[in-house]
Amino acid sequence: MQVLKILCLYILLLLMSSCNKKLELLDAGKKQIVLLGELTAGDSVYLRAGESTAVKTGNTINEELIRDLTVAIDGAGGRFYLTGTEDDLSYSERTLAFSNASQVQAGNTYTLDASHPSLGKATASIAIPAAFTVTVSDTASADFLMKSCIQLHVTIDDLPEKNYYVLEVLQQPFTVEPAFLFNGQWFKQSEHWELYDSLFNAGMPPEERMDSFAIRMFTRIPSFSDDDKSEHLLNGKFSEPAKRILLDDKCFNGSRHASTLYIPKDALGMQYPGIGMFTILQVKSVSADYFHYLKAYEQLGIFSGLPDNRSPVRVNGNVQNGVGMVGGVFMREFRYIF
């Protein structure tokens, strides 16, 4: 029933955004810290945090961003703190971005804790999977279920221990702009014009080129698969596209496994002058708790909050004394411009 409560709150948020009338809410629950995201091996630490809505009679939904939250991680290299900042997603997702430059290490387990003066302390344990190898071949056009698609053959070299995999297709816009080189890094001229001018004034004109800059905005592209080991096909959804292809290695543990994805061409975003689209295939090895969280999440209906058998599903994350999920991930990523 917790899922139904969350979905009801979501619907109320949508209603509030479409009218000026304040909605009175029924009594239920209390405010809690919300933690969402992934710790990905080889990347710096990045996640999102906020607070849930405490629903009380006569009150309205609080859309303020969380303040005075302290987030820290214990793991390889000791304890370090994350810096919370507002970003482009903060007011649409009601969360702050928390980050630290420390690199997440494969095979390690991290303990995350978030403390707030009035919300208390929430914790999560995040296990990062070991490194694995994957290859992608035979990228080509193909028809699948009478749809014109991009076909990707994916081969995973599974490790002997228990593993879980997630295959996702995303699109990310990028701009093509004049850039200059400084200290081994390319910078946009439009955003760093003061530095650009200072180099010229100092008699050190930098190297220049047109460069691509990705925008931190992703669109998930539902795709088809004919992999009979995927949870999608095991659930009898061969003819439906999936937001994620989920694979439990119980049927191919320690061996090589081949999977094929079909990306509908009509689902891919358009390319415009000065703006392009990366199509990104992410093949992730994920922690067990994250896999089961995503599996339960994928079973939910878009509007009803119920799976196909119409019985309630509870989506439990790994955040103790709080809400949400921070998954452990080792990822291989492949980028294309179709």
C-alpha atoms as a PDB file:
ATOM      1  CA  MET A   1       0.000   0.000   0.000  1.00  0.00           C
ATOM      2  CA  GLN A   2       3.025   2.280   0.409  1.00  0.00           C
ATOM      3  CA  VAL A   3       3.328   2.408  -3.399  1.00  0.00           C
ATOM      4  CA  LEU A   4      -0.293   3.471  -3.704  1.00  0.00           C
ATOM      5  CA  LYS A   5       0.321   6.284  -1.212  1.00  0.00           C
ATOM      6  CA  ILE A   6       3.342   7.469  -3.145  1.00  0.00           C
ATOM      7  CA  LEU A   7       1.424   7.401  -6.437  1.00  0.00           C
ATOM      8  CA  CYS A   8      -1.482   9.259  -4.879  1.00  0.00           C
ATOM      9  CA  LEU A   9       0.915  11.978  -3.744  1.00  0.00           C
ATOM     10  CA  TYR A  10       2.340  12.130  -7.257  1.00  0.00           C
ATOM     11  CA  ILE A  11      -1.140  12.587  -8.753  1.00  0.00           C
ATOM     12  CA  LEU A  12      -1.840  15.338  -6.221  1.00  0.00           C
ATOM     13  CA  LEU A  13       1.352  17.090  -7.275  1.00  0.00           C
ATOM     14  CA  LEU A  14       0.220  16.983 -10.895  1.00  0.00           C
ATOM     15  CA  LEU A  15      -3.142  18.413  -9.959  1.00  0.00           C
ATOM     16  CA  MET A  16      -1.531  21.216  -7.989  1.00  0.00           C
ATOM     17  CA  SER A  17       0.643  22.183 -10.931  1.00  0.00           C
ATOM     18  CA  SER A  18      -2.427  22.593 -13.155  1.00  0.00           C
ATOM     19  CA  CYS A  19      -4.546  24.796 -10.880  1.00  0.00           C
ATOM     20  CA  ASN A  20      -4.223  27.457  -8.214  1.00  0.00           C
ATOM     21  CA  LYS A  21      -6.515  25.839  -5.647  1.00  0.00           C
ATOM     22  CA  LYS A  22      -4.709  24.539  -2.559  1.00  0.00           C
ATOM     23  CA  LEU A  23      -5.434  20.876  -1.842  1.00  0.00           C
ATOM     24  CA  GLU A  24      -6.098  19.675   1.679  1.00  0.00           C
ATOM     25  CA  LEU A  25      -4.509  16.329   2.463  1.00  0.00           C
ATOM     26  CA  LEU A  26      -5.467  13.407   4.694  1.00  0.00           C
ATOM     27  CA  ASP A  27      -3.429  12.332   7.720  1.00  0.00           C
ATOM     28  CA  ALA A  28      -0.715   9.783   6.847  1.00  0.00           C
ATOM     29  CA  GLY A  29       2.932   9.243   7.678  1.00  0.00           C
ATOM     30  CA  LYS A  30       5.738  11.656   8.523  1.00  0.00           C
ATOM     31  CA  LYS A  31       8.486  13.464   6.687  1.00  0.00           C
ATOM     32  CA  GLN A  32      11.549  11.391   5.893  1.00  0.00           C
ATOM     33  CA  ILE A  33      14.880  11.871   4.118  1.00  0.00           C
ATOM     34  CA  VAL A  34      14.808  10.744   0.473  1.00  0.00           C
ATOM     35  CA  LEU A  35      17.976   9.395  -1.166  1.00  0.00           C
ATOM     36  CA  LEU A  36      18.066   8.440  -4.856  1.00  0.00           C
ATOM     37  CA  GLY A  37      20.761   7.506  -7.335  1.00  0.00           C
ATOM     38  CA  GLU A  38      23.592   5.163  -8.226  1.00  0.00           C
ATOM     39  CA  LEU A  39      27.185   4.819  -7.079  1.00  0.00           C
ATOM     40  CA  THR A  40      29.009   3.792 -10.243  1.00  0.00           C
ATOM     41  CA  ALA A  41      32.504   2.317 -10.202  1.00  0.00           C
ATOM     42  CA  GLY A  42      35.046   4.585 -11.869  1.00  0.00           C
ATOM     43  CA  ASP A  43      32.858   7.690 -11.508  1.00  0.00           C
ATOM     44  CA  SER A  44      32.830  10.360  -8.840  1.00  0.00           C
ATOM     45  CA  VAL A  45      30.119  10.174  -6.196  1.00  0.00           C
ATOM     46  CA  TYR A  46      26.786  11.685  -7.250  1.00  0.00           C
ATOM     47  CA  LEU A  47      23.261  11.234  -5.894  1.00  0.00           C
ATOM     48  CA  ARG A  48      20.104  13.242  -5.190  1.00  0.00           C
ATOM     49  CA  ALA A  49      18.455  13.947  -1.861  1.00  0.00           C
ATOM     50  CA  GLY A  50      15.258  15.555  -0.639  1.00  0.00           C
ATOM     51  CA  GLU A  51      12.462  15.038   1.826  1.00  0.00           C
ATOM     52  CA  SER A  52       9.154  13.211   1.551  1.00  0.00           C
ATOM     53  CA  THR A  53       5.861  14.987   2.161  1.00  0.00           C
ATOM     54  CA  ALA A  54       4.260  14.562   5.565  1.00  0.00           C
ATOM     55  CA  VAL A  55       0.546  14.408   4.859  1.00  0.00           C
ATOM     56  CA  LYS A  56      -1.674  16.058   7.472  1.00  0.00           C
ATOM     57  CA  THR A  57      -5.283  17.240   7.371  1.00  0.00           C
ATOM     58  CA  GLY A  58      -5.516  20.866   6.311  1.00  0.00           C
ATOM     59  CA  ASN A  59      -1.905  21.049   5.123  1.00  0.00           C
ATOM     60  CA  THR A  60      -0.686  21.422   1.550  1.00  0.00           C
ATOM     61  CA  ILE A  61       2.228  19.670  -0.115  1.00  0.00           C
ATOM     62  CA  ASN A  62       5.527  21.310   0.782  1.00  0.00           C
ATOM     63  CA  GLU A  63       7.552  21.971  -2.363  1.00  0.00           C
ATOM     64  CA  GLU A  64      10.567  23.512  -0.622  1.00  0.00           C
ATOM     65  CA  LEU A  65      13.997  22.012  -1.233  1.00  0.00           C
ATOM     66  CA  ILE A  66      15.615  20.261   1.684  1.00  0.00           C
ATOM     67  CA  ARG A  67      18.057  22.367   3.717  1.00  0.00           C
ATOM     68  CA  ASP A  68      20.620  21.631   6.437  1.00  0.00           C
ATOM     69  CA  LEU A  69      21.164  18.053   5.244  1.00  0.00           C
ATOM     70  CA  THR A  70      24.595  16.536   5.878  1.00  0.00           C
ATOM     71  CA  VAL A  71      25.550  13.555   3.682  1.00  0.00           C
ATOM     72  CA  ALA A  72      28.670  11.449   4.226  1.00  0.00           C
ATOM     73  CA  ILE A  73      30.061   8.162   2.917  1.00  0.00           C
ATOM     74  CA  ASP A  74      32.321   5.620   4.627  1.00  0.00           C
ATOM     75  CA  GLY A  75      34.271   3.201   2.474  1.00  0.00           C
ATOM     76  CA  ALA A  76      37.606   2.755   0.737  1.00  0.00           C
ATOM     77  CA  GLY A  77      39.808   5.702   1.623  1.00  0.00           C
ATOM     78  CA  GLY A  78      37.960   6.592   4.826  1.00  0.00           C
ATOM     79  CA  ARG A  79      35.045   8.949   5.416  1.00  0.00           C
ATOM     80  CA  PHE A  80      34.217  11.891   3.173  1.00  0.00           C
ATOM     81  CA  TYR A  81      31.376  14.413   2.946  1.00  0.00           C
ATOM     82  CA  LEU A  82      29.235  15.320  -0.072  1.00  0.00           C
ATOM     83  CA  THR A  83      28.452  18.860  -1.149  1.00  0.00           C
ATOM     84  CA  GLY A  84      24.800  19.666  -1.843  1.00  0.00           C
ATOM     85  CA  THR A  85      23.915  22.127  -4.603  1.00  0.00           C
ATOM     86  CA  GLU A  86      20.906  23.254  -6.595  1.00  0.00           C
ATOM     87  CA  ASP A  87      21.012  22.372 -10.278  1.00  0.00           C
ATOM     88  CA  ASP A  88      18.778  22.356 -13.361  1.00  0.00           C
ATOM     89  CA  LEU A  89      16.769  19.413 -11.988  1.00  0.00           C
ATOM     90  CA  SER A  90      16.280  20.671  -8.444  1.00  0.00           C
ATOM     91  CA  TYR A  91      12.933  22.441  -8.827  1.00  0.00           C
ATOM     92  CA  SER A  92      11.384  19.862 -11.149  1.00  0.00           C
ATOM     93  CA  GLU A  93      12.457  16.905  -8.984  1.00  0.00           C
ATOM     94  CA  ARG A  94      12.418  18.719  -5.595  1.00  0.00           C
ATOM     95  CA  THR A  95      15.890  17.416  -4.772  1.00  0.00           C
ATOM     96  CA  LEU A  96      19.435  18.699  -4.390  1.00  0.00           C
ATOM     97  CA  ALA A  97      22.455  17.171  -6.105  1.00  0.00           C
ATOM     98  CA  PHE A  98      25.044  15.825  -3.639  1.00  0.00           C
ATOM     99  CA  SER A  99      28.518  15.041  -4.950  1.00  0.00           C
ATOM    100  CA  ASN A 100      32.154  14.432  -4.092  1.00  0.00           C
ATOM    101  CA  ALA A 101      35.151  14.103  -6.418  1.00  0.00           C
ATOM    102  CA  SER A 102      36.222  10.811  -4.793  1.00  0.00           C
ATOM    103  CA  GLN A 103      36.093   7.901  -7.224  1.00  0.00           C
ATOM    104  CA  VAL A 104      33.872   4.893  -6.523  1.00  0.00           C
ATOM    105  CA  GLN A 105      35.878   1.652  -6.472  1.00  0.00           C
ATOM    106  CA  ALA A 106      34.637  -1.650  -7.932  1.00  0.00           C
ATOM    107  CA  GLY A 107      34.153  -4.476  -5.447  1.00  0.00           C
ATOM    108  CA  ASN A 108      33.900  -2.197  -2.396  1.00  0.00           C
ATOM    109  CA  THR A 109      30.960  -1.663  -0.052  1.00  0.00           C
ATOM    110  CA  TYR A 110      30.084   1.861   1.064  1.00  0.00           C
ATOM    111  CA  THR A 111      27.949   3.077   3.954  1.00  0.00           C
ATOM    112  CA  LEU A 112      25.982   6.232   3.260  1.00  0.00           C
ATOM    113  CA  ASP A 113      24.465   8.326   6.030  1.00  0.00           C
ATOM    114  CA  ALA A 114      22.384  11.484   5.796  1.00  0.00           C
ATOM    115  CA  SER A 115      21.609  13.584   8.885  1.00  0.00           C
ATOM    116  CA  HIS A 116      19.049  16.347   9.294  1.00  0.00           C
ATOM    117  CA  PRO A 117      18.170  18.398  12.412  1.00  0.00           C
ATOM    118  CA  SER A 118      14.462  17.518  12.306  1.00  0.00           C
ATOM    119  CA  LEU A 119      14.266  14.447  10.035  1.00  0.00           C
ATOM    120  CA  GLY A 120      16.872  12.400  11.889  1.00  0.00           C
ATOM    121  CA  LYS A 121      19.407  10.088  10.263  1.00  0.00           C
ATOM    122  CA  ALA A 122      18.942   7.814   7.249  1.00  0.00           C
ATOM    123  CA  THR A 123      21.502   5.188   6.201  1.00  0.00           C
ATOM    124  CA  ALA A 124      22.159   2.877   3.271  1.00  0.00           C
ATOM    125  CA  SER A 125      24.719   0.181   2.492  1.00  0.00           C
ATOM    126  CA  ILE A 126      25.814   0.069  -1.159  1.00  0.00           C
ATOM    127  CA  ALA A 127      27.752  -2.879  -2.590  1.00  0.00           C
ATOM    128  CA  ILE A 128      29.640  -2.090  -5.821  1.00  0.00           C
ATOM    129  CA  PRO A 129      29.894  -5.094  -8.181  1.00  0.00           C
ATOM    130  CA  ALA A 130      33.197  -6.336  -9.594  1.00  0.00           C
ATOM    131  CA  ALA A 131      34.399  -5.362 -13.070  1.00  0.00           C
ATOM    132  CA  PHE A 132      33.129  -7.393 -16.019  1.00  0.00           C
ATOM    133  CA  THR A 133      33.563  -7.266 -19.784  1.00  0.00           C
ATOM    134  CA  VAL A 134      30.978  -6.834 -22.509  1.00  0.00           C
ATOM    135  CA  THR A 135      31.142  -6.410 -26.288  1.00  0.00           C
ATOM    136  CA  VAL A 136      28.652  -4.896 -28.720  1.00  0.00           C
ATOM    137  CA  SER A 137      28.694  -5.966 -32.359  1.00  0.00           C
ATOM    138  CA  ASP A 138      26.636  -5.981 -35.533  1.00  0.00           C
ATOM    139  CA  THR A 139      25.037  -2.568 -35.075  1.00  0.00           C
ATOM    140  CA  ALA A 140      22.659  -2.489 -38.022  1.00  0.00           C
ATOM    141  CA  SER A 141      19.151  -1.730 -39.200  1.00  0.00           C
ATOM    142  CA  ALA A 142      16.618  -4.522 -38.710  1.00  0.00           C
ATOM    143  CA  ASP A 143      12.870  -5.065 -38.566  1.00  0.00           C
ATOM    144  CA  PHE A 144      11.347  -6.348 -35.327  1.00  0.00           C
ATOM    145  CA  LEU A 145       7.595  -6.860 -34.920  1.00  0.00           C
ATOM    146  CA  MET A 146       7.084  -4.853 -38.133  1.00  0.00           C
ATOM    147  CA  LYS A 147       9.028  -1.889 -36.723  1.00  0.00           C
ATOM    148  CA  SER A 148      12.166  -0.399 -38.227  1.00  0.00           C
ATOM    149  CA  CYS A 149      14.853  -0.667 -35.541  1.00  0.00           C
ATOM    150  CA  ILE A 150      18.532  -0.330 -34.751  1.00  0.00           C
ATOM    151  CA  GLN A 151      19.812  -3.773 -33.761  1.00  0.00           C
ATOM    152  CA  LEU A 152      22.529  -4.186 -31.118  1.00  0.00           C
ATOM    153  CA  HIS A 153      24.116  -7.558 -30.280  1.00  0.00           C
ATOM    154  CA  VAL A 154      25.409  -7.533 -26.709  1.00  0.00           C
ATOM    155  CA  THR A 155      27.682 -10.252 -25.280  1.00  0.00           C
ATOM    156  CA  ILE A 156      28.326 -10.373 -21.525  1.00  0.00           C
ATOM    157  CA  ASP A 157      31.227 -12.379 -20.060  1.00  0.00           C
ATOM    158  CA  ASP A 158      29.648 -13.358 -16.759  1.00  0.00           C
ATOM    159  CA  LEU A 159      31.762 -13.881 -13.644  1.00  0.00           C
ATOM    160  CA  PRO A 160      31.444 -17.055 -11.498  1.00  0.00           C
ATOM    161  CA  GLU A 161      29.869 -15.277  -8.513  1.00  0.00           C
ATOM    162  CA  LYS A 162      26.188 -14.292  -8.483  1.00  0.00           C
ATOM    163  CA  ASN A 163      25.520 -11.337 -10.779  1.00  0.00           C
ATOM    164  CA  TYR A 164      22.627  -9.227 -11.999  1.00  0.00           C
ATOM    165  CA  TYR A 165      22.567  -7.071 -15.126  1.00  0.00           C
ATOM    166  CA  VAL A 166      20.529  -4.160 -16.447  1.00  0.00           C
ATOM    167  CA  LEU A 167      20.561  -3.033 -20.099  1.00  0.00           C
ATOM    168  CA  GLU A 168      19.267   0.462 -20.795  1.00  0.00           C
ATOM    169  CA  VAL A 169      19.073   2.702 -23.854  1.00  0.00           C
ATOM    170  CA  LEU A 170      19.175   6.466 -23.271  1.00  0.00           C
ATOM    171  CA  GLN A 171      19.428   9.585 -25.385  1.00  0.00           C
ATOM    172  CA  GLN A 172      21.350  12.668 -24.373  1.00  0.00           C
ATOM    173  CA  PRO A 173      21.413  15.978 -26.271  1.00  0.00           C
ATOM    174  CA  PHE A 174      24.689  17.704 -26.993  1.00  0.00           C
ATOM    175  CA  THR A 175      25.659  21.067 -28.449  1.00  0.00           C
ATOM    176  CA  VAL A 176      28.398  21.786 -30.969  1.00  0.00           C
ATOM    177  CA  GLU A 177      30.129  25.041 -30.026  1.00  0.00           C
ATOM    178  CA  PRO A 178      33.474  26.863 -30.349  1.00  0.00           C
ATOM    179  CA  ALA A 179      35.882  25.679 -27.658  1.00  0.00           C
ATOM    180  CA  PHE A 180      39.429  26.397 -26.528  1.00  0.00           C
ATOM    181  CA  LEU A 181      42.096  24.282 -24.835  1.00  0.00           C
ATOM    182  CA  PHE A 182      43.430  25.228 -21.389  1.00  0.00           C
ATOM    183  CA  ASN A 183      45.433  22.994 -19.044  1.00  0.00           C
ATOM    184  CA  GLY A 184      44.530  19.924 -21.080  1.00  0.00           C
ATOM    185  CA  GLN A 185      40.769  20.565 -20.962  1.00  0.00           C
ATOM    186  CA  TRP A 186      38.375  21.962 -23.554  1.00  0.00           C
ATOM    187  CA  PHE A 187      36.141  24.861 -22.438  1.00  0.00           C
ATOM    188  CA  LYS A 188      33.147  26.518 -24.082  1.00  0.00           C
ATOM    189  CA  GLN A 189      34.054  29.985 -25.314  1.00  0.00           C
ATOM    190  CA  SER A 190      30.545  31.217 -24.508  1.00  0.00           C
ATOM    191  CA  GLU A 191      30.797  30.245 -20.819  1.00  0.00           C
ATOM    192  CA  HIS A 192      34.480  30.981 -20.186  1.00  0.00           C
ATOM    193  CA  TRP A 193      35.018  34.078 -22.307  1.00  0.00           C
ATOM    194  CA  GLU A 194      36.884  35.904 -19.508  1.00  0.00           C
ATOM    195  CA  LEU A 195      39.524  33.166 -19.375  1.00  0.00           C
ATOM    196  CA  TYR A 196      39.590  33.076 -23.181  1.00  0.00           C
ATOM    197  CA  ASP A 197      40.182  36.865 -23.374  1.00  0.00           C
ATOM    198  CA  SER A 198      42.804  36.780 -20.607  1.00  0.00           C
ATOM    199  CA  LEU A 199      44.865  34.224 -22.533  1.00  0.00           C
ATOM    200  CA  PHE A 200      44.844  36.440 -25.606  1.00  0.00           C
ATOM    201  CA  ASN A 201      45.715  39.524 -23.557  1.00  0.00           C
ATOM    202  CA  ALA A 202      48.641  37.633 -22.022  1.00  0.00           C
ATOM    203  CA  GLY A 203      49.950  36.761 -25.478  1.00  0.00           C
ATOM    204  CA  MET A 204      49.071  33.064 -25.142  1.00  0.00           C
ATOM    205  CA  PRO A 205      46.251  32.440 -27.678  1.00  0.00           C
ATOM    206  CA  PRO A 206      44.813  28.965 -26.998  1.00  0.00           C
ATOM    207  CA  GLU A 207      44.193  26.157 -29.453  1.00  0.00           C
ATOM    208  CA  GLU A 208      40.598  26.291 -30.728  1.00  0.00           C
ATOM    209  CA  ARG A 209      38.123  23.911 -32.317  1.00  0.00           C
ATOM    210  CA  MET A 210      34.426  23.131 -32.631  1.00  0.00           C
ATOM    211  CA  ASP A 211      33.593  20.666 -29.869  1.00  0.00           C
ATOM    212  CA  SER A 212      30.602  18.724 -28.566  1.00  0.00           C
ATOM    213  CA  PHE A 213      29.281  19.298 -25.035  1.00  0.00           C
ATOM    214  CA  ALA A 214      26.787  16.890 -23.533  1.00  0.00           C
ATOM    215  CA  ILE A 215      23.794  18.304 -21.646  1.00  0.00           C
ATOM    216  CA  ARG A 216      22.939  16.592 -18.338  1.00  0.00           C
ATOM    217  CA  MET A 217      19.502  15.549 -19.494  1.00  0.00           C
ATOM    218  CA  PHE A 218      18.591  11.993 -20.424  1.00  0.00           C
ATOM    219  CA  THR A 219      15.586  10.406 -22.114  1.00  0.00           C
ATOM    220  CA  ARG A 220      15.009   6.688 -21.673  1.00  0.00           C
ATOM    221  CA  ILE A 221      14.226   4.868 -24.926  1.00  0.00           C
ATOM    222  CA  PRO A 222      12.049   1.750 -24.484  1.00  0.00           C
ATOM    223  CA  SER A 223      13.467  -1.100 -26.584  1.00  0.00           C
ATOM    224  CA  PHE A 224      12.578  -4.635 -27.605  1.00  0.00           C
ATOM    225  CA  SER A 225      14.554  -7.790 -26.907  1.00  0.00           C
ATOM    226  CA  ASP A 226      14.253 -11.428 -27.923  1.00  0.00           C
ATOM    227  CA  ASP A 227      16.397 -12.599 -24.990  1.00  0.00           C
ATOM    228  CA  ASP A 228      14.463 -15.471 -23.418  1.00  0.00           C
ATOM    229  CA  LYS A 229      16.552 -15.129 -20.220  1.00  0.00           C
ATOM    230  CA  SER A 230      15.357 -11.564 -19.606  1.00  0.00           C
ATOM    231  CA  GLU A 231      12.753 -10.815 -16.944  1.00  0.00           C
ATOM    232  CA  HIS A 232      10.789  -9.014 -19.646  1.00  0.00           C
ATOM    233  CA  LEU A 233      10.261 -12.152 -21.713  1.00  0.00           C
ATOM    234  CA  LEU A 234       9.877 -14.363 -18.663  1.00  0.00           C
ATOM    235  CA  ASN A 235       6.894 -12.150 -17.821  1.00  0.00           C
ATOM    236  CA  GLY A 236       5.431 -12.812 -21.284  1.00  0.00           C
ATOM    237  CA  LYS A 237       5.979  -9.303 -22.689  1.00  0.00           C
ATOM    238  CA  PHE A 238       7.720 -10.223 -25.942  1.00  0.00           C
ATOM    239  CA  SER A 239       5.622  -7.799 -27.997  1.00  0.00           C
ATOM    240  CA  GLU A 240       6.075  -4.826 -25.652  1.00  0.00           C
ATOM    241  CA  PRO A 241       9.079  -2.498 -25.430  1.00  0.00           C
ATOM    242  CA  ALA A 242      10.908  -2.414 -22.093  1.00  0.00           C
ATOM    243  CA  LYS A 243      12.417   0.569 -20.274  1.00  0.00           C
ATOM    244  CA  ARG A 244      15.091  -1.797 -18.947  1.00  0.00           C
ATOM    245  CA  ILE A 245      16.174  -5.325 -19.831  1.00  0.00           C
ATOM    246  CA  LEU A 246      16.859  -7.169 -16.564  1.00  0.00           C
ATOM    247  CA  LEU A 247      19.023 -10.309 -16.477  1.00  0.00           C
ATOM    248  CA  ASP A 248      19.582 -12.680 -13.548  1.00  0.00           C
ATOM    249  CA  ASP A 249      22.610 -14.879 -14.316  1.00  0.00           C
ATOM    250  CA  LYS A 250      21.079 -17.993 -12.713  1.00  0.00           C
ATOM    251  CA  CYS A 251      20.767 -19.507 -16.209  1.00  0.00           C
ATOM    252  CA  PHE A 252      24.239 -18.548 -17.489  1.00  0.00           C
ATOM    253  CA  ASN A 253      26.380 -18.114 -14.388  1.00  0.00           C
ATOM    254  CA  GLY A 254      30.097 -17.989 -15.174  1.00  0.00           C
ATOM    255  CA  SER A 255      29.634 -18.257 -18.943  1.00  0.00           C
ATOM    256  CA  ARG A 256      29.191 -15.988 -21.954  1.00  0.00           C
ATOM    257  CA  HIS A 257      25.676 -14.703 -22.584  1.00  0.00           C
ATOM    258  CA  ALA A 258      24.408 -13.094 -25.801  1.00  0.00           C
ATOM    259  CA  SER A 259      21.474 -10.701 -25.859  1.00  0.00           C
ATOM    260  CA  THR A 260      19.966  -8.614 -28.653  1.00  0.00           C
ATOM    261  CA  LEU A 261      18.291  -5.222 -28.358  1.00  0.00           C
ATOM    262  CA  TYR A 262      16.075  -3.572 -30.964  1.00  0.00           C
ATOM    263  CA  ILE A 263      15.752   0.204 -30.678  1.00  0.00           C
ATOM    264  CA  PRO A 264      12.716   1.594 -32.582  1.00  0.00           C
ATOM    265  CA  LYS A 265      13.927   4.307 -34.935  1.00  0.00           C
ATOM    266  CA  ASP A 266      10.736   6.314 -34.467  1.00  0.00           C
ATOM    267  CA  ALA A 267      11.552   6.616 -30.740  1.00  0.00           C
ATOM    268  CA  LEU A 268      14.899   8.318 -31.353  1.00  0.00           C
ATOM    269  CA  GLY A 269      15.090  12.089 -31.014  1.00  0.00           C
ATOM    270  CA  MET A 270      15.670  14.369 -33.971  1.00  0.00           C
ATOM    271  CA  GLN A 271      19.030  15.982 -34.765  1.00  0.00           C
ATOM    272  CA  TYR A 272      19.008  19.756 -35.233  1.00  0.00           C
ATOM    273  CA  PRO A 273      21.664  22.231 -36.449  1.00  0.00           C
ATOM    274  CA  GLY A 274      24.035  22.822 -33.538  1.00  0.00           C
ATOM    275  CA  ILE A 275      22.247  20.219 -31.387  1.00  0.00           C
ATOM    276  CA  GLY A 276      22.717  16.471 -31.732  1.00  0.00           C
ATOM    277  CA  MET A 277      21.678  13.353 -29.858  1.00  0.00           C
ATOM    278  CA  PHE A 278      23.908  10.687 -28.386  1.00  0.00           C
ATOM    279  CA  THR A 279      22.221   7.297 -28.256  1.00  0.00           C
ATOM    280  CA  ILE A 280      23.719   5.510 -25.264  1.00  0.00           C
ATOM    281  CA  LEU A 281      23.674   1.808 -24.453  1.00  0.00           C
ATOM    282  CA  GLN A 282      24.451   1.160 -20.792  1.00  0.00           C
ATOM    283  CA  VAL A 283      25.208  -2.404 -19.697  1.00  0.00           C
ATOM    284  CA  LYS A 284      25.318  -2.476 -15.906  1.00  0.00           C
ATOM    285  CA  SER A 285      26.207  -5.083 -13.336  1.00  0.00           C
ATOM    286  CA  VAL A 286      24.154  -4.051 -10.300  1.00  0.00           C
ATOM    287  CA  SER A 287      23.883  -4.923  -6.624  1.00  0.00           C
ATOM    288  CA  ALA A 288      21.262  -7.543  -5.723  1.00  0.00           C
ATOM    289  CA  ASP A 289      19.060  -5.105  -3.793  1.00  0.00           C
ATOM    290  CA  TYR A 290      19.087  -2.642  -6.702  1.00  0.00           C
ATOM    291  CA  PHE A 291      18.143  -5.380  -9.188  1.00  0.00           C
ATOM    292  CA  HIS A 292      15.147  -6.490  -7.114  1.00  0.00           C
ATOM    293  CA  TYR A 293      14.119  -2.856  -6.596  1.00  0.00           C
ATOM    294  CA  LEU A 294      14.151  -2.235 -10.363  1.00  0.00           C
ATOM    295  CA  LYS A 295      12.365  -5.526 -11.025  1.00  0.00           C
ATOM    296  CA  ALA A 296       9.509  -4.562  -8.696  1.00  0.00           C
ATOM    297  CA  TYR A 297       9.457  -1.044 -10.154  1.00  0.00           C
ATOM    298  CA  GLU A 298       9.177  -2.390 -13.721  1.00  0.00           C
ATOM    299  CA  GLN A 299       6.111  -4.434 -12.739  1.00  0.00           C
ATOM    300  CA  LEU A 300       4.117  -1.337 -11.809  1.00  0.00           C
ATOM    301  CA  GLY A 301       1.429  -0.024 -14.130  1.00  0.00           C
ATOM    302  CA  ILE A 302       1.965   3.565 -15.292  1.00  0.00           C
ATOM    303  CA  PHE A 303      -1.209   4.934 -13.717  1.00  0.00           C
ATOM    304  CA  SER A 304      -2.627   2.222 -11.472  1.00  0.00           C
ATOM    305  CA  GLY A 305       0.462   1.415  -9.442  1.00  0.00           C
ATOM    306  CA  LEU A 306      -0.446  -2.240  -9.847  1.00  0.00           C
ATOM    307  CA  PRO A 307       1.223  -5.023 -11.851  1.00  0.00           C
ATOM    308  CA  ASP A 308      -0.596  -6.998 -14.492  1.00  0.00           C
ATOM    309  CA  ASN A 309      -2.195  -9.325 -11.918  1.00  0.00           C
ATOM    310  CA  ARG A 310      -3.670  -6.241 -10.187  1.00  0.00           C
ATOM    311  CA  SER A 311      -2.295  -7.105  -6.737  1.00  0.00           C
ATOM    312  CA  PRO A 312      -0.296  -4.439  -4.861  1.00  0.00           C
ATOM    313  CA  VAL A 313       3.507  -4.374  -5.079  1.00  0.00           C
ATOM    314  CA  ARG A 314       5.712  -2.820  -2.425  1.00  0.00           C
ATOM    315  CA  VAL A 315       8.913  -1.308  -3.818  1.00  0.00           C
ATOM    316  CA  ASN A 316      11.483  -1.404  -1.037  1.00  0.00           C
ATOM    317  CA  GLY A 317      14.765   0.452  -1.361  1.00  0.00           C
ATOM    318  CA  ASN A 318      17.909   0.130   0.744  1.00  0.00           C
ATOM    319  CA  VAL A 319      17.470   3.385   2.705  1.00  0.00           C
ATOM    320  CA  GLN A 320      16.933   2.687   6.395  1.00  0.00           C
ATOM    321  CA  ASN A 321      14.857   5.226   8.377  1.00  0.00           C
ATOM    322  CA  GLY A 322      14.237   7.003   5.082  1.00  0.00           C
ATOM    323  CA  VAL A 323      12.908   6.563   1.560  1.00  0.00           C
ATOM    324  CA  GLY A 324      14.560   5.672  -1.738  1.00  0.00           C
ATOM    325  CA  MET A 325      17.282   3.576  -3.330  1.00  0.00           C
ATOM    326  CA  VAL A 326      20.992   4.100  -3.933  1.00  0.00           C
ATOM    327  CA  GLY A 327      22.198   1.304  -6.202  1.00  0.00           C
ATOM    328  CA  GLY A 328      25.672  -0.132  -6.577  1.00  0.00           C
ATOM    329  CA  VAL A 329      26.772  -0.260 -10.231  1.00  0.00           C
ATOM    330  CA  PHE A 330      29.654  -1.279 -12.474  1.00  0.00           C
ATOM    331  CA  MET A 331      28.848  -0.006 -15.960  1.00  0.00           C
ATOM    332  CA  ARG A 332      30.085  -0.370 -19.513  1.00  0.00           C
ATOM    333  CA  GLU A 333      28.788   2.403 -21.796  1.00  0.00           C
ATOM    334  CA  PHE A 334      28.602   2.621 -25.591  1.00  0.00           C
ATOM    335  CA  ARG A 335      27.776   5.886 -27.393  1.00  0.00           C
ATOM    336  CA  TYR A 336      26.448   6.278 -30.922  1.00  0.00           C
ATOM    337  CA  ILE A 337      25.171   9.016 -33.206  1.00  0.00           C
ATOM    338  CA  PHE A 338      22.579   7.417 -35.474  1.00  0.00           C
END
